[in-house]
PDB file of N, CA and C in Angstrom:
ATOM      1  N   MET A   1       0.836  -1.202   0.000  1.00  0.00           N
ATOM      2  CA  MET A   1       0.000   0.000   0.000  1.00  0.00           C
ATOM      3  C   MET A   1       0.873   1.255   0.000  1.00  0.00           C
ATOM      4  N   LEU A   2       1.915   1.250   0.830  1.00  0.00           N
ATOM      5  CA  LEU A   2       2.822   2.397   0.908  1.00  0.00           C
ATOM      6  C   LEU A   2       3.533   2.595  -0.436  1.00  0.00           C
ATOM      7  N   PHE A   3       3.967   1.472  -1.038  1.00  0.00           N
ATOM      8  CA  PHE A   3       4.649   1.540  -2.329  1.00  0.00           C
ATOM      9  C   PHE A   3       3.721   2.132  -3.394  1.00  0.00           C
ATOM     10  N   HIS A   4       2.459   1.686  -3.379  1.00  0.00           N
ATOM     11  CA  HIS A   4       1.481   2.172  -4.351  1.00  0.00           C
ATOM     12  C   HIS A   4       1.287   3.683  -4.203  1.00  0.00           C
ATOM     13  N   ARG A   5       1.196   4.161  -2.968  1.00  0.00           N
ATOM     14  CA  ARG A   5       0.996   5.586  -2.717  1.00  0.00           C
ATOM     15  C   ARG A   5       2.206   6.385  -3.220  1.00  0.00           C
ATOM     16  N   LYS A   6       3.402   5.836  -2.993  1.00  0.00           N
ATOM     17  CA  LYS A   6       4.625   6.512  -3.429  1.00  0.00           C
ATOM     18  C   LYS A   6       4.663   6.611  -4.957  1.00  0.00           C
ATOM     19  N   VAL A   7       4.281   5.526  -5.633  1.00  0.00           N
ATOM     20  CA  VAL A   7       4.278   5.518  -7.098  1.00  0.00           C
ATOM     21  C   VAL A   7       3.288   6.549  -7.631  1.00  0.00           C
ATOM     22  N   THR A   8       2.081   6.599  -7.042  1.00  0.00           N
ATOM     23  CA  THR A   8       1.090   7.564  -7.524  1.00  0.00           C
ATOM     24  C   THR A   8       1.567   8.989  -7.262  1.00  0.00           C
ATOM     25  N   LYS A   9       2.230   9.196  -6.116  1.00  0.00           N
ATOM     26  CA  LYS A   9       2.761  10.526  -5.811  1.00  0.00           C
ATOM     27  C   LYS A   9       3.809  10.923  -6.860  1.00  0.00           C
ATOM     28  N   ASN A  10       4.695   9.984  -7.201  1.00  0.00           N
ATOM     29  CA  ASN A  10       5.707  10.252  -8.225  1.00  0.00           C
ATOM     30  C   ASN A  10       5.055  10.543  -9.576  1.00  0.00           C
ATOM     31  N   ASN A  11       3.992   9.791  -9.891  1.00  0.00           N
ATOM     32  CA  ASN A  11       3.290  10.026 -11.152  1.00  0.00           C
ATOM     33  C   ASN A  11       2.683  11.419 -11.180  1.00  0.00           C
ATOM     34  N   GLU A  12       2.108  11.843 -10.050  1.00  0.00           N
ATOM     35  CA  GLU A  12       1.529  13.191  -9.983  1.00  0.00           C
ATOM     36  C   GLU A  12       2.614  14.243 -10.182  1.00  0.00           C
ATOM     37  N   ILE A  13       3.749  14.042  -9.521  1.00  0.00           N
ATOM     38  CA  ILE A  13       4.864  14.990  -9.665  1.00  0.00           C
ATOM     39  C   ILE A  13       5.336  15.024 -11.114  1.00  0.00           C
ATOM     40  N   ASN A  14       5.457  13.837 -11.735  1.00  0.00           N
ATOM     41  CA  ASN A  14       5.883  13.777 -13.136  1.00  0.00           C
ATOM     42  C   ASN A  14       4.893  14.494 -14.039  1.00  0.00           C
ATOM     43  N   GLN A  15       3.587  14.323 -13.757  1.00  0.00           N
ATOM     44  CA  GLN A  15       2.566  15.000 -14.564  1.00  0.00           C
ATOM     45  C   GLN A  15       2.699  16.513 -14.443  1.00  0.00           C
ATOM     46  N   ILE A  16       2.930  16.993 -13.207  1.00  0.00           N
ATOM     47  CA  ILE A  16       3.088  18.439 -12.990  1.00  0.00           C
ATOM     48  C   ILE A  16       4.309  18.949 -13.753  1.00  0.00           C
ATOM     49  N   ILE A  17       5.423  18.199 -13.663  1.00  0.00           N
ATOM     50  CA  ILE A  17       6.649  18.606 -14.364  1.00  0.00           C
ATOM     51  C   ILE A  17       6.414  18.633 -15.869  1.00  0.00           C
ATOM     52  N   LEU A  18       5.722  17.599 -16.383  1.00  0.00           N
ATOM     53  CA  LEU A  18       5.449  17.549 -17.821  1.00  0.00           C
ATOM     54  C   LEU A  18       4.585  18.727 -18.258  1.00  0.00           C
ATOM     55  N   LYS A  19       3.578  19.059 -17.436  1.00  0.00           N
ATOM     56  CA  LYS A  19       2.716  20.200 -17.772  1.00  0.00           C
ATOM     57  C   LYS A  19       3.522  21.486 -17.825  1.00  0.00           C
ATOM     58  N   LYS A  20       4.401  21.678 -16.828  1.00  0.00           N
ATOM     59  CA  LYS A  20       5.206  22.904 -16.805  1.00  0.00           C
ATOM     60  C   LYS A  20       6.138  22.959 -18.007  1.00  0.00           C
ATOM     61  N   MET A  21       6.759  21.823 -18.340  1.00  0.00           N
ATOM     62  CA  MET A  21       7.661  21.788 -19.491  1.00  0.00           C
ATOM     63  C   MET A  21       6.898  22.086 -20.777  1.00  0.00           C
ATOM     64  N   ARG A  22       5.689  21.509 -20.885  1.00  0.00           N
ATOM     65  CA  ARG A  22       4.873  21.744 -22.073  1.00  0.00           C
ATOM     66  C   ARG A  22       4.524  23.229 -22.188  1.00  0.00           C
ATOM     67  N   ASN A  23       4.173  23.850 -21.052  1.00  0.00           N
ATOM     68  CA  ASN A  23       3.858  25.283 -21.065  1.00  0.00           C
ATOM     69  C   ASN A  23       5.061  26.099 -21.506  1.00  0.00           C
ATOM     70  N   ILE A  24       6.247  25.720 -20.999  1.00  0.00           N
ATOM     71  CA  ILE A  24       7.466  26.443 -21.374  1.00  0.00           C
ATOM     72  C   ILE A  24       7.710  26.316 -22.877  1.00  0.00           C
ATOM     73  N   PHE A  25       7.557  25.082 -23.416  1.00  0.00           N
ATOM     74  CA  PHE A  25       7.792  24.886 -24.845  1.00  0.00           C
ATOM     75  C   PHE A  25       6.779  25.653 -25.680  1.00  0.00           C
ATOM     76  N   GLU A  26       5.492  25.659 -25.227  1.00  0.00           N
ATOM     77  CA  GLU A  26       4.465  26.386 -25.973  1.00  0.00           C
ATOM     78  C   GLU A  26       4.767  27.876 -25.984  1.00  0.00           C
ATOM     79  N   SER A  27       5.159  28.415 -24.828  1.00  0.00           N
ATOM     80  CA  SER A  27       5.452  29.850 -24.782  1.00  0.00           C
ATOM     81  C   SER A  27       6.677  30.168 -25.636  1.00  0.00           C
ATOM     82  N   ALA A  28       7.664  29.260 -25.644  1.00  0.00           N
ATOM     83  CA  ALA A  28       8.855  29.482 -26.469  1.00  0.00           C
ATOM     84  C   ALA A  28       8.482  29.483 -27.950  1.00  0.00           C
ATOM     85  N   SER A  29       7.602  28.560 -28.358  1.00  0.00           N
ATOM     86  CA  SER A  29       7.213  28.528 -29.771  1.00  0.00           C
ATOM     87  C   SER A  29       6.387  29.760 -30.127  1.00  0.00           C
ATOM     88  N   LYS A  30       5.566  30.255 -29.178  1.00  0.00           N
ATOM     89  CA  LYS A  30       4.808  31.486 -29.439  1.00  0.00           C
ATOM     90  C   LYS A  30       5.763  32.650 -29.638  1.00  0.00           C
ATOM     91  N   ILE A  31       6.783  32.732 -28.768  1.00  0.00           N
ATOM     92  CA  ILE A  31       7.763  33.817 -28.886  1.00  0.00           C
ATOM     93  C   ILE A  31       8.498  33.708 -30.218  1.00  0.00           C
ATOM     94  N   ARG A  32       8.835  32.476 -30.602  1.00  0.00           N
ATOM     95  CA  ARG A  32       9.553  32.271 -31.858  1.00  0.00           C
ATOM     96  C   ARG A  32       8.694  32.715 -33.037  1.00  0.00           C
ATOM     97  N   SER A  33       7.407  32.334 -33.045  1.00  0.00           N
ATOM     98  CA  SER A  33       6.538  32.727 -34.158  1.00  0.00           C
ATOM     99  C   SER A  33       6.314  34.231 -34.144  1.00  0.00           C
ATOM    100  N   PHE A  34       6.258  34.826 -32.946  1.00  0.00           N
ATOM    101  CA  PHE A  34       6.110  36.279 -32.841  1.00  0.00           C
ATOM    102  C   PHE A  34       7.324  36.972 -33.451  1.00  0.00           C
ATOM    103  N   GLY A  35       8.513  36.439 -33.178  1.00  0.00           N
ATOM    104  CA  GLY A  35       9.734  36.985 -33.757  1.00  0.00           C
ATOM    105  C   GLY A  35       9.732  36.870 -35.271  1.00  0.00           C
ATOM    106  N   ARG A  36       9.230  35.744 -35.775  1.00  0.00           N
ATOM    107  CA  ARG A  36       9.152  35.548 -37.222  1.00  0.00           C
ATOM    108  C   ARG A  36       8.202  36.582 -37.829  1.00  0.00           C
ATOM    109  N   ASN A  37       7.066  36.822 -37.159  1.00  0.00           N
ATOM    110  CA  ASN A  37       6.111  37.813 -37.656  1.00  0.00           C
ATOM    111  C   ASN A  37       6.737  39.197 -37.678  1.00  0.00           C
ATOM    112  N   ILE A  38       7.504  39.517 -36.636  1.00  0.00           N
ATOM    113  CA  ILE A  38       8.169  40.821 -36.592  1.00  0.00           C
ATOM    114  C   ILE A  38       9.153  40.948 -37.753  1.00  0.00           C
ATOM    115  N   LYS A  39       9.907  39.869 -38.033  1.00  0.00           N
ATOM    116  CA  LYS A  39      10.860  39.903 -39.148  1.00  0.00           C
ATOM    117  C   LYS A  39      10.136  40.162 -40.465  1.00  0.00           C
ATOM    118  N   GLU A  40       9.016  39.448 -40.685  1.00  0.00           N
ATOM    119  CA  GLU A  40       8.263  39.636 -41.924  1.00  0.00           C
ATOM    120  C   GLU A  40       7.733  41.058 -42.014  1.00  0.00           C
ATOM    121  N   TYR A  41       7.282  41.594 -40.885  1.00  0.00           N
ATOM    122  CA  TYR A  41       6.743  42.957 -40.837  1.00  0.00           C
ATOM    123  C   TYR A  41       7.826  43.973 -41.202  1.00  0.00           C
ATOM    124  N   ILE A  42       9.025  43.777 -40.617  1.00  0.00           N
ATOM    125  CA  ILE A  42      10.138  44.699 -40.891  1.00  0.00           C
ATOM    126  C   ILE A  42      10.539  44.620 -42.363  1.00  0.00           C
ATOM    127  N   VAL A  43      10.583  43.398 -42.906  1.00  0.00           N
ATOM    128  CA  VAL A  43      10.944  43.242 -44.322  1.00  0.00           C
ATOM    129  C   VAL A  43       9.906  43.933 -45.203  1.00  0.00           C
ATOM    130  N   GLY A  44       8.630  43.787 -44.851  1.00  0.00           N
ATOM    131  CA  GLY A  44       7.566  44.457 -45.605  1.00  0.00           C
ATOM    132  C   GLY A  44       7.705  45.963 -45.547  1.00  0.00           C
ATOM    133  N   LEU A  45       7.996  46.486 -44.356  1.00  0.00           N
ATOM    134  CA  LEU A  45       8.183  47.939 -44.210  1.00  0.00           C
ATOM    135  C   LEU A  45       9.362  48.423 -45.050  1.00  0.00           C
ATOM    136  N   LEU A  46      10.471  47.676 -44.999  1.00  0.00           N
ATOM    137  CA  LEU A  46      11.651  48.060 -45.782  1.00  0.00           C
ATOM    138  C   LEU A  46      11.333  48.059 -47.277  1.00  0.00           C
ATOM    139  N   TYR A  47      10.544  47.078 -47.714  1.00  0.00           N
ATOM    140  CA  TYR A  47      10.167  47.000 -49.126  1.00  0.00           C
ATOM    141  C   TYR A  47       9.333  48.213 -49.527  1.00  0.00           C
ATOM    142  N   LEU A  48       8.362  48.590 -48.655  1.00  0.00           N
ATOM    143  CA  LEU A  48       7.534  49.763 -48.943  1.00  0.00           C
ATOM    144  C   LEU A  48       8.375  51.034 -48.989  1.00  0.00           C
ATOM    145  N   ILE A  49       9.298  51.169 -48.030  1.00  0.00           N
ATOM    146  CA  ILE A  49      10.183  52.342 -48.010  1.00  0.00           C
ATOM    147  C   ILE A  49      11.028  52.376 -49.279  1.00  0.00           C
ATOM    148  N   HIS A  50      11.504  51.199 -49.696  1.00  0.00           N
ATOM    149  CA  HIS A  50      12.310  51.081 -50.910  1.00  0.00           C
ATOM    150  C   HIS A  50      11.510  51.549 -52.129  1.00  0.00           C
ATOM    151  N   LEU A  51      10.264  51.081 -52.250  1.00  0.00           N
ATOM    152  CA  LEU A  51       9.425  51.487 -53.379  1.00  0.00           C
ATOM    153  C   LEU A  51       9.181  52.988 -53.362  1.00  0.00           C
ATOM    154  N   TYR A  52       8.897  53.517 -52.173  1.00  0.00           N
ATOM    155  CA  TYR A  52       8.629  54.949 -52.029  1.00  0.00           C
ATOM    156  C   TYR A  52       9.866  55.766 -52.415  1.00  0.00           C
ATOM    157  N   ALA A  53      11.048  55.285 -51.980  1.00  0.00           N
ATOM    158  CA  ALA A  53      12.297  55.980 -52.302  1.00  0.00           C
ATOM    159  C   ALA A  53      12.536  55.958 -53.811  1.00  0.00           C
ATOM    160  N   LEU A  54      12.253  54.833 -54.467  1.00  0.00           N
ATOM    161  CA  LEU A  54      12.411  54.758 -55.924  1.00  0.00           C
ATOM    162  C   LEU A  54      11.502  55.764 -56.612  1.00  0.00           C
ATOM    163  N   LYS A  55      10.271  55.879 -56.114  1.00  0.00           N
ATOM    164  CA  LYS A  55       9.314  56.822 -56.687  1.00  0.00           C
ATOM    165  C   LYS A  55       9.832  58.257 -56.554  1.00  0.00           C
ATOM    166  N   ILE A  56      10.327  58.596 -55.364  1.00  0.00           N
ATOM    167  CA  ILE A  56      10.851  59.945 -55.121  1.00  0.00           C
ATOM    168  C   ILE A  56      12.045  60.224 -56.032  1.00  0.00           C
ATOM    169  N   PHE A  57      12.980  59.246 -56.124  1.00  0.00           N
ATOM    170  CA  PHE A  57      14.171  59.450 -56.954  1.00  0.00           C
ATOM    171  C   PHE A  57      13.802  59.568 -58.428  1.00  0.00           C
ATOM    172  N   ARG A  58      12.793  58.808 -58.862  1.00  0.00           N
ATOM    173  CA  ARG A  58      12.364  58.884 -60.255  1.00  0.00           C
ATOM    174  C   ARG A  58      11.841  60.291 -60.552  1.00  0.00           C
ATOM    175  N   ASN A  59      11.013  60.817 -59.640  1.00  0.00           N
ATOM    176  CA  ASN A  59      10.497  62.181 -59.811  1.00  0.00           C
ATOM    177  C   ASN A  59      11.634  63.193 -59.780  1.00  0.00           C
ATOM    178  N   PHE A  60      12.607  62.960 -58.908  1.00  0.00           N
ATOM    179  CA  PHE A  60      13.752  63.868 -58.783  1.00  0.00           C
ATOM    180  C   PHE A  60      14.557  63.909 -60.084  1.00  0.00           C
ATOM    181  N   TYR A  61      14.788  62.713 -60.683  1.00  0.00           N
ATOM    182  CA  TYR A  61      15.541  62.657 -61.939  1.00  0.00           C
ATOM    183  C   TYR A  61      14.770  63.329 -63.068  1.00  0.00           C
ATOM    184  N   ILE A  62      13.440  63.189 -63.056  1.00  0.00           N
ATOM    185  CA  ILE A  62      12.627  63.834 -64.086  1.00  0.00           C
ATOM    186  C   ILE A  62      12.750  65.354 -63.957  1.00  0.00           C
ATOM    187  N   LEU A  63      12.750  65.849 -62.705  1.00  0.00           N
ATOM    188  CA  LEU A  63      12.870  67.293 -62.485  1.00  0.00           C
ATOM    189  C   LEU A  63      14.225  67.816 -62.936  1.00  0.00           C
ATOM    190  N   CYS A  64      15.269  67.005 -62.707  1.00  0.00           N
ATOM    191  CA  CYS A  64      16.609  67.452 -63.109  1.00  0.00           C
ATOM    192  C   CYS A  64      16.757  67.277 -64.608  1.00  0.00           C
TER     193      CYS A  64
END
């Protein structure tokens, strides 16, 4: 009976540890995907700025 109680206690502890580890991994993957989204956003902004700069320079060359 004592052995059985000890095993169930260990199983409960293992379940708690697994849950915490799973939460840590999920939060890490969320942070990673958030970072990826930020990278895509920055690349998109740079592309828009690039297009806008080309437009300005084209107008500038036409004026000159």
